Amino acid sequence: MVSYDFYLNEYAGKSIPQSDWTEAEKRAEDVLEHYEKIYTVEADDETKYDMAICAIAEAVNFFGNAPTVSSSIGSVSTGASAVDISPKAQNKEFYRCASLYLNIYRGV
């Protein structure tokens, strides 16, 4: 588990409030565990792994708080996200965040 203190001081994170850290960090760990099952994942050192968790946690937090736009025509109202929050878009961003710090590839 990556501490909130590491997120603030080593990663220099600012976007996740402490009250949301545990949930975002857990989800980021789950994402990396999944990658380790389907890819070969290597880190130069443990700090890089922790940095990847912080980066993914920020993406998790972003998608959880994605801004929405609403519109209405007559009595019909719709709400949609201002950004693509589809599972495919989230997975692509999580992979990008992890790749900033880790070597991820298919194969042996």
Protein backbone atom coordinates (compact mmCIF):
# COMPACT_ATOMS: atom_id res chain seq x y z
CA MET A 1 0.00 0.00 0.00
CA VAL A 2 1.25 3.44 -0.94
CA SER A 3 0.80 6.00 1.80
CA TYR A 4 -0.88 9.36 1.35
CA ASP A 5 2.34 10.90 2.66
CA PHE A 6 4.26 9.33 -0.27
CA TYR A 7 1.62 10.66 -2.67
CA LEU A 8 2.01 14.20 -1.31
CA ASN A 9 5.76 14.35 -0.75
CA GLU A 10 7.42 11.97 -3.20
CA TYR A 11 4.94 11.98 -6.08
CA ALA A 12 4.05 15.64 -5.39
CA GLY A 13 0.38 14.90 -5.88
CA LYS A 14 -2.24 17.54 -5.23
CA SER A 15 -5.47 16.43 -6.85
CA ILE A 16 -6.66 13.68 -4.48
CA PRO A 17 -7.97 14.72 -1.06
CA GLN A 18 -6.90 12.50 1.83
CA SER A 19 -10.50 11.35 2.32
CA ASP A 20 -10.51 9.83 -1.20
CA TRP A 21 -6.97 8.42 -1.16
CA THR A 22 -7.62 4.94 0.23
CA GLU A 23 -10.26 4.11 -2.36
CA ALA A 24 -8.29 5.53 -5.31
CA GLU A 25 -5.07 3.83 -4.19
CA LYS A 26 -6.81 0.46 -3.79
CA ARG A 27 -8.31 0.69 -7.27
CA ALA A 28 -4.89 1.61 -8.70
CA GLU A 29 -3.35 -1.43 -7.00
CA ASP A 30 -6.09 -3.60 -8.50
CA VAL A 31 -5.31 -2.22 -11.97
CA LEU A 32 -1.60 -3.04 -11.59
CA GLU A 33 -2.37 -6.52 -10.24
CA HIS A 34 -4.48 -7.12 -13.35
CA TYR A 35 -1.64 -5.93 -15.60
CA GLU A 36 0.76 -8.29 -13.83
CA LYS A 37 -1.55 -11.18 -14.71
CA ILE A 38 -1.74 -10.40 -18.42
CA TYR A 39 1.58 -8.62 -19.12
CA THR A 40 5.16 -8.71 -17.99
CA VAL A 41 5.52 -5.70 -15.68
CA GLU A 42 8.92 -4.54 -14.49
CA ALA A 43 10.02 -1.62 -12.36
CA ASP A 44 13.54 -0.27 -12.03
CA ASP A 45 12.91 0.01 -8.29
CA GLU A 46 10.02 -0.09 -5.80
CA THR A 47 9.65 3.68 -5.99
CA LYS A 48 8.66 3.44 -9.67
CA TYR A 49 5.90 0.97 -8.78
CA ASP A 50 4.62 3.34 -6.10
CA MET A 51 4.79 6.28 -8.53
CA ALA A 52 2.71 4.28 -11.04
CA ILE A 53 0.10 3.63 -8.35
CA CYS A 54 -0.06 7.36 -7.62
CA ALA A 55 -0.46 8.21 -11.31
CA ILE A 56 -3.22 5.64 -11.78
CA ALA A 57 -4.91 6.77 -8.55
CA GLU A 58 -5.05 10.32 -9.92
CA ALA A 59 -6.69 9.00 -13.10
CA VAL A 60 -9.15 6.97 -11.00
CA ASN A 61 -9.99 10.11 -9.03
CA PHE A 62 -10.37 12.16 -12.22
CA PHE A 63 -12.78 9.69 -13.81
CA GLY A 64 -14.74 9.46 -10.57
CA ASN A 65 -15.17 13.23 -10.54
CA ALA A 66 -15.45 13.84 -14.31
CA PRO A 67 -17.33 17.03 -15.06
CA THR A 68 -20.72 16.65 -16.67
CA VAL A 69 -22.65 18.87 -19.02
CA SER A 70 -26.39 18.90 -19.23
CA SER A 71 -28.80 20.04 -21.87
CA SER A 72 -32.52 20.21 -22.17
CA ILE A 73 -34.96 20.50 -25.02
CA GLY A 74 -38.45 21.15 -23.80
CA SER A 75 -39.18 18.68 -21.04
CA VAL A 76 -36.36 16.29 -21.96
CA SER A 77 -33.08 16.70 -20.08
CA THR A 78 -29.86 14.81 -20.57
CA GLY A 79 -26.60 14.70 -18.70
CA ALA A 80 -23.38 13.59 -20.26
CA SER A 81 -19.78 13.65 -19.26
CA ALA A 82 -17.64 16.37 -20.79
CA VAL A 83 -14.88 13.76 -21.24
CA ASP A 84 -14.92 10.17 -22.44
CA ILE A 85 -15.37 8.10 -19.28
CA SER A 86 -16.08 4.82 -21.03
CA PRO A 87 -14.33 1.73 -19.64
CA LYS A 88 -12.18 1.63 -22.79
CA ALA A 89 -11.03 5.23 -22.28
CA GLN A 90 -10.34 4.59 -18.61
CA ASN A 91 -8.29 1.46 -19.33
CA LYS A 92 -6.28 3.33 -21.97
CA GLU A 93 -5.50 6.13 -19.51
CA PHE A 94 -4.62 3.72 -16.68
CA TYR A 95 -2.21 1.89 -19.00
CA ARG A 96 -0.66 5.19 -20.09
CA CYS A 97 -0.18 6.24 -16.45
CA ALA A 98 1.42 2.93 -15.52
CA SER A 99 3.70 3.07 -18.57
CA LEU A 100 5.16 6.36 -17.40
CA TYR A 101 6.95 4.51 -14.59
CA LEU A 102 6.90 0.80 -15.45
CA ASN A 103 8.06 -1.36 -18.33
CA ILE A 104 4.98 -3.23 -19.53
CA TYR A 105 5.09 -5.69 -22.39
CA ARG A 106 3.61 -8.92 -23.65
CA GLY A 107 5.62 -12.09 -23.66
CA VAL A 108 8.25 -13.69 -21.54
